[in-house]
PDB file of N, CA and C in Angstrom:
ATOM      1  N   UNK A   1       9.999 -24.060 -42.889  1.00  0.00           N
ATOM      2  CA  UNK A   1       9.831 -24.226 -41.444  1.00  0.00           C
ATOM      3  C   UNK A   1      10.796 -23.239 -40.710  1.00  0.00           C
ATOM      4  N   UNK A   2      11.958 -23.063 -41.321  1.00  0.00           N
ATOM      5  CA  UNK A   2      12.860 -22.137 -40.731  1.00  0.00           C
ATOM      6  C   UNK A   2      12.285 -20.696 -40.612  1.00  0.00           C
ATOM      7  N   UNK A   3      11.595 -20.292 -41.690  1.00  0.00           N
ATOM      8  CA  UNK A   3      11.001 -18.998 -41.729  1.00  0.00           C
ATOM      9  C   UNK A   3       9.979 -18.843 -40.661  1.00  0.00           C
ATOM     10  N   UNK A   4       9.047 -19.805 -40.523  1.00  0.00           N
ATOM     11  CA  UNK A   4       8.007 -19.800 -39.464  1.00  0.00           C
ATOM     12  C   UNK A   4       8.626 -19.720 -38.146  1.00  0.00           C
ATOM     13  N   UNK A   5       9.688 -20.547 -37.879  1.00  0.00           N
ATOM     14  CA  UNK A   5      10.306 -20.499 -36.616  1.00  0.00           C
ATOM     15  C   UNK A   5      10.958 -19.164 -36.308  1.00  0.00           C
ATOM     16  N   UNK A   6      11.578 -18.549 -37.317  1.00  0.00           N
ATOM     17  CA  UNK A   6      12.160 -17.303 -37.223  1.00  0.00           C
ATOM     18  C   UNK A   6      11.050 -16.238 -36.855  1.00  0.00           C
ATOM     19  N   UNK A   7       9.955 -16.309 -37.572  1.00  0.00           N
ATOM     20  CA  UNK A   7       8.837 -15.362 -37.328  1.00  0.00           C
ATOM     21  C   UNK A   7       8.306 -15.524 -35.928  1.00  0.00           C
ATOM     22  N   UNK A   8       8.205 -16.748 -35.395  1.00  0.00           N
ATOM     23  CA  UNK A   8       7.718 -16.979 -34.064  1.00  0.00           C
ATOM     24  C   UNK A   8       8.672 -16.333 -33.082  1.00  0.00           C
ATOM     25  N   UNK A   9       9.977 -16.540 -33.245  1.00  0.00           N
ATOM     26  CA  UNK A   9      11.021 -15.947 -32.337  1.00  0.00           C
ATOM     27  C   UNK A   9      10.967 -14.470 -32.423  1.00  0.00           C
ATOM     28  N   UNK A  10      10.843 -13.941 -33.583  1.00  0.00           N
ATOM     29  CA  UNK A  10      10.808 -12.481 -33.807  1.00  0.00           C
ATOM     30  C   UNK A  10       9.596 -11.856 -33.098  1.00  0.00           C
ATOM     31  N   UNK A  11       8.400 -12.528 -33.327  1.00  0.00           N
ATOM     32  CA  UNK A  11       7.245 -11.991 -32.748  1.00  0.00           C
ATOM     33  C   UNK A  11       7.293 -12.136 -31.215  1.00  0.00           C
ATOM     34  N   UNK A  12       7.882 -13.199 -30.727  1.00  0.00           N
ATOM     35  CA  UNK A  12       8.068 -13.332 -29.273  1.00  0.00           C
ATOM     36  C   UNK A  12       8.953 -12.243 -28.693  1.00  0.00           C
ATOM     37  N   UNK A  13      10.053 -11.957 -29.333  1.00  0.00           N
ATOM     38  CA  UNK A  13      10.935 -10.806 -28.964  1.00  0.00           C
ATOM     39  C   UNK A  13      10.184  -9.472 -28.982  1.00  0.00           C
ATOM     40  N   UNK A  14       9.426  -9.389 -30.037  1.00  0.00           N
ATOM     41  CA  UNK A  14       8.731  -8.095 -30.228  1.00  0.00           C
ATOM     42  C   UNK A  14       7.728  -7.798 -29.071  1.00  0.00           C
ATOM     43  N   UNK A  15       6.919  -8.855 -28.703  1.00  0.00           N
ATOM     44  CA  UNK A  15       5.939  -8.644 -27.668  1.00  0.00           C
ATOM     45  C   UNK A  15       6.706  -8.466 -26.350  1.00  0.00           C
ATOM     46  N   UNK A  16       7.821  -9.181 -26.108  1.00  0.00           N
ATOM     47  CA  UNK A  16       8.605  -8.979 -24.920  1.00  0.00           C
ATOM     48  C   UNK A  16       9.168  -7.600 -24.866  1.00  0.00           C
ATOM     49  N   UNK A  17       9.558  -7.064 -25.990  1.00  0.00           N
ATOM     50  CA  UNK A  17      10.073  -5.648 -26.057  1.00  0.00           C
ATOM     51  C   UNK A  17       8.996  -4.613 -25.653  1.00  0.00           C
ATOM     52  N   UNK A  18       7.709  -4.920 -26.170  1.00  0.00           N
ATOM     53  CA  UNK A  18       6.629  -3.996 -25.834  1.00  0.00           C
ATOM     54  C   UNK A  18       6.357  -4.115 -24.303  1.00  0.00           C
ATOM     55  N   UNK A  19       6.476  -5.294 -23.754  1.00  0.00           N
ATOM     56  CA  UNK A  19       6.262  -5.501 -22.341  1.00  0.00           C
ATOM     57  C   UNK A  19       7.251  -4.702 -21.525  1.00  0.00           C
ATOM     58  N   UNK A  20       8.560  -4.773 -21.971  1.00  0.00           N
ATOM     59  CA  UNK A  20       9.610  -4.197 -21.249  1.00  0.00           C
ATOM     60  C   UNK A  20       9.492  -2.649 -21.447  1.00  0.00           C
ATOM     61  N   UNK A  21       8.945  -2.232 -22.532  1.00  0.00           N
ATOM     62  CA  UNK A  21       8.793  -0.762 -22.773  1.00  0.00           C
ATOM     63  C   UNK A  21       7.772  -0.255 -21.706  1.00  0.00           C
ATOM     64  N   UNK A  22       6.714  -0.942 -21.456  1.00  0.00           N
ATOM     65  CA  UNK A  22       5.749  -0.594 -20.403  1.00  0.00           C
ATOM     66  C   UNK A  22       6.444  -0.561 -18.993  1.00  0.00           C
ATOM     67  N   UNK A  23       7.236  -1.557 -18.822  1.00  0.00           N
ATOM     68  CA  UNK A  23       7.927  -1.687 -17.534  1.00  0.00           C
ATOM     69  C   UNK A  23       8.895  -0.454 -17.389  1.00  0.00           C
ATOM     70  N   UNK A  24       9.559  -0.210 -18.539  1.00  0.00           N
ATOM     71  CA  UNK A  24      10.554   0.937 -18.474  1.00  0.00           C
ATOM     72  C   UNK A  24       9.797   2.270 -18.192  1.00  0.00           C
ATOM     73  N   UNK A  25       8.599   2.455 -18.850  1.00  0.00           N
ATOM     74  CA  UNK A  25       7.903   3.645 -18.635  1.00  0.00           C
ATOM     75  C   UNK A  25       7.444   3.793 -17.127  1.00  0.00           C
ATOM     76  N   UNK A  26       6.991   2.605 -16.588  1.00  0.00           N
ATOM     77  CA  UNK A  26       6.603   2.599 -15.177  1.00  0.00           C
ATOM     78  C   UNK A  26       7.790   2.998 -14.328  1.00  0.00           C
ATOM     79  N   UNK A  27       8.967   2.412 -14.552  1.00  0.00           N
ATOM     80  CA  UNK A  27      10.114   2.698 -13.739  1.00  0.00           C
ATOM     81  C   UNK A  27      10.538   4.113 -13.905  1.00  0.00           C
ATOM     82  N   UNK A  28      10.403   4.696 -15.077  1.00  0.00           N
ATOM     83  CA  UNK A  28      10.722   6.086 -15.311  1.00  0.00           C
ATOM     84  C   UNK A  28       9.814   7.032 -14.541  1.00  0.00           C
ATOM     85  N   UNK A  29       8.514   6.674 -14.552  1.00  0.00           N
ATOM     86  CA  UNK A  29       7.586   7.559 -13.758  1.00  0.00           C
ATOM     87  C   UNK A  29       7.915   7.385 -12.264  1.00  0.00           C
ATOM     88  N   UNK A  30       8.189   6.193 -11.842  1.00  0.00           N
ATOM     89  CA  UNK A  30       8.503   5.965 -10.414  1.00  0.00           C
ATOM     90  C   UNK A  30       9.754   6.788 -10.016  1.00  0.00           C
ATOM     91  N   UNK A  31      10.736   6.762 -10.924  1.00  0.00           N
ATOM     92  CA  UNK A  31      11.959   7.507 -10.657  1.00  0.00           C
ATOM     93  C   UNK A  31      11.700   8.974 -10.582  1.00  0.00           C
ATOM     94  N   UNK A  32      10.935   9.547 -11.458  1.00  0.00           N
ATOM     95  CA  UNK A  32      10.611  10.967 -11.469  1.00  0.00           C
ATOM     96  C   UNK A  32       9.803  11.242 -10.145  1.00  0.00           C
ATOM     97  N   UNK A  33       8.927  10.445  -9.759  1.00  0.00           N
ATOM     98  CA  UNK A  33       8.142  10.628  -8.531  1.00  0.00           C
ATOM     99  C   UNK A  33       8.983  10.671  -7.320  1.00  0.00           C
ATOM    100  N   UNK A  34       9.933   9.673  -7.268  1.00  0.00           N
ATOM    101  CA  UNK A  34      10.785   9.643  -6.064  1.00  0.00           C
ATOM    102  C   UNK A  34      11.776  10.805  -6.008  1.00  0.00           C
ATOM    103  N   UNK A  35      12.296  11.220  -7.241  1.00  0.00           N
ATOM    104  CA  UNK A  35      13.165  12.417  -7.290  1.00  0.00           C
ATOM    105  C   UNK A  35      12.370  13.637  -6.806  1.00  0.00           C
ATOM    106  N   UNK A  36      11.160  13.785  -7.259  1.00  0.00           N
ATOM    107  CA  UNK A  36      10.297  14.915  -6.853  1.00  0.00           C
ATOM    108  C   UNK A  36      10.058  14.909  -5.348  1.00  0.00           C
ATOM    109  N   UNK A  37       9.797  13.691  -4.777  1.00  0.00           N
ATOM    110  CA  UNK A  37       9.534  13.570  -3.392  1.00  0.00           C
ATOM    111  C   UNK A  37      10.797  13.934  -2.542  1.00  0.00           C
ATOM    112  N   UNK A  38      11.930  13.465  -3.012  1.00  0.00           N
ATOM    113  CA  UNK A  38      13.217  13.824  -2.333  1.00  0.00           C
ATOM    114  C   UNK A  38      13.473  15.337  -2.431  1.00  0.00           C
ATOM    115  N   UNK A  39      13.184  15.948  -3.505  1.00  0.00           N
ATOM    116  CA  UNK A  39      13.406  17.362  -3.751  1.00  0.00           C
ATOM    117  C   UNK A  39      12.534  18.184  -2.806  1.00  0.00           C
ATOM    118  N   UNK A  40      11.212  17.774  -2.702  1.00  0.00           N
ATOM    119  CA  UNK A  40      10.310  18.388  -1.732  1.00  0.00           C
ATOM    120  C   UNK A  40      10.715  18.195  -0.302  1.00  0.00           C
ATOM    121  N   UNK A  41      11.168  17.028   0.032  1.00  0.00           N
ATOM    122  CA  UNK A  41      11.721  16.788   1.370  1.00  0.00           C
ATOM    123  C   UNK A  41      12.864  17.652   1.677  1.00  0.00           C
ATOM    124  N   UNK A  42      13.816  17.833   0.865  1.00  0.00           N
ATOM    125  CA  UNK A  42      14.995  18.653   0.982  1.00  0.00           C
ATOM    126  C   UNK A  42      14.535  20.105   1.154  1.00  0.00           C
ATOM    127  N   UNK A  43      13.569  20.573   0.337  1.00  0.00           N
ATOM    128  CA  UNK A  43      13.146  21.944   0.365  1.00  0.00           C
ATOM    129  C   UNK A  43      12.394  22.207   1.711  1.00  0.00           C
ATOM    130  N   UNK A  44      11.623  21.131   2.294  1.00  0.00           N
ATOM    131  CA  UNK A  44      10.929  21.317   3.455  1.00  0.00           C
ATOM    132  C   UNK A  44      11.907  21.437   4.596  1.00  0.00           C
ATOM    133  N   UNK A  45      13.049  20.873   4.576  1.00  0.00           N
ATOM    134  CA  UNK A  45      14.097  20.955   5.645  1.00  0.00           C
ATOM    135  C   UNK A  45      14.798  22.206   5.401  1.00  0.00           C
TER     136      UNK A  45
END
C-alpha cells in the first residue's frame, strides 16, 4: 500500500509539474510580448 500511495503522490506531482510548465510557458510568452511592446513604445517616442 505504501508503494501505491507513493505512486499516486508522484503521479499527482508529475501532472501538476506539467500543468505549471504550461503556465510557465504562457507567462514567458506574455513577458516577451510585454517587453516587445514596451520596446516599440520607447522607440515610437
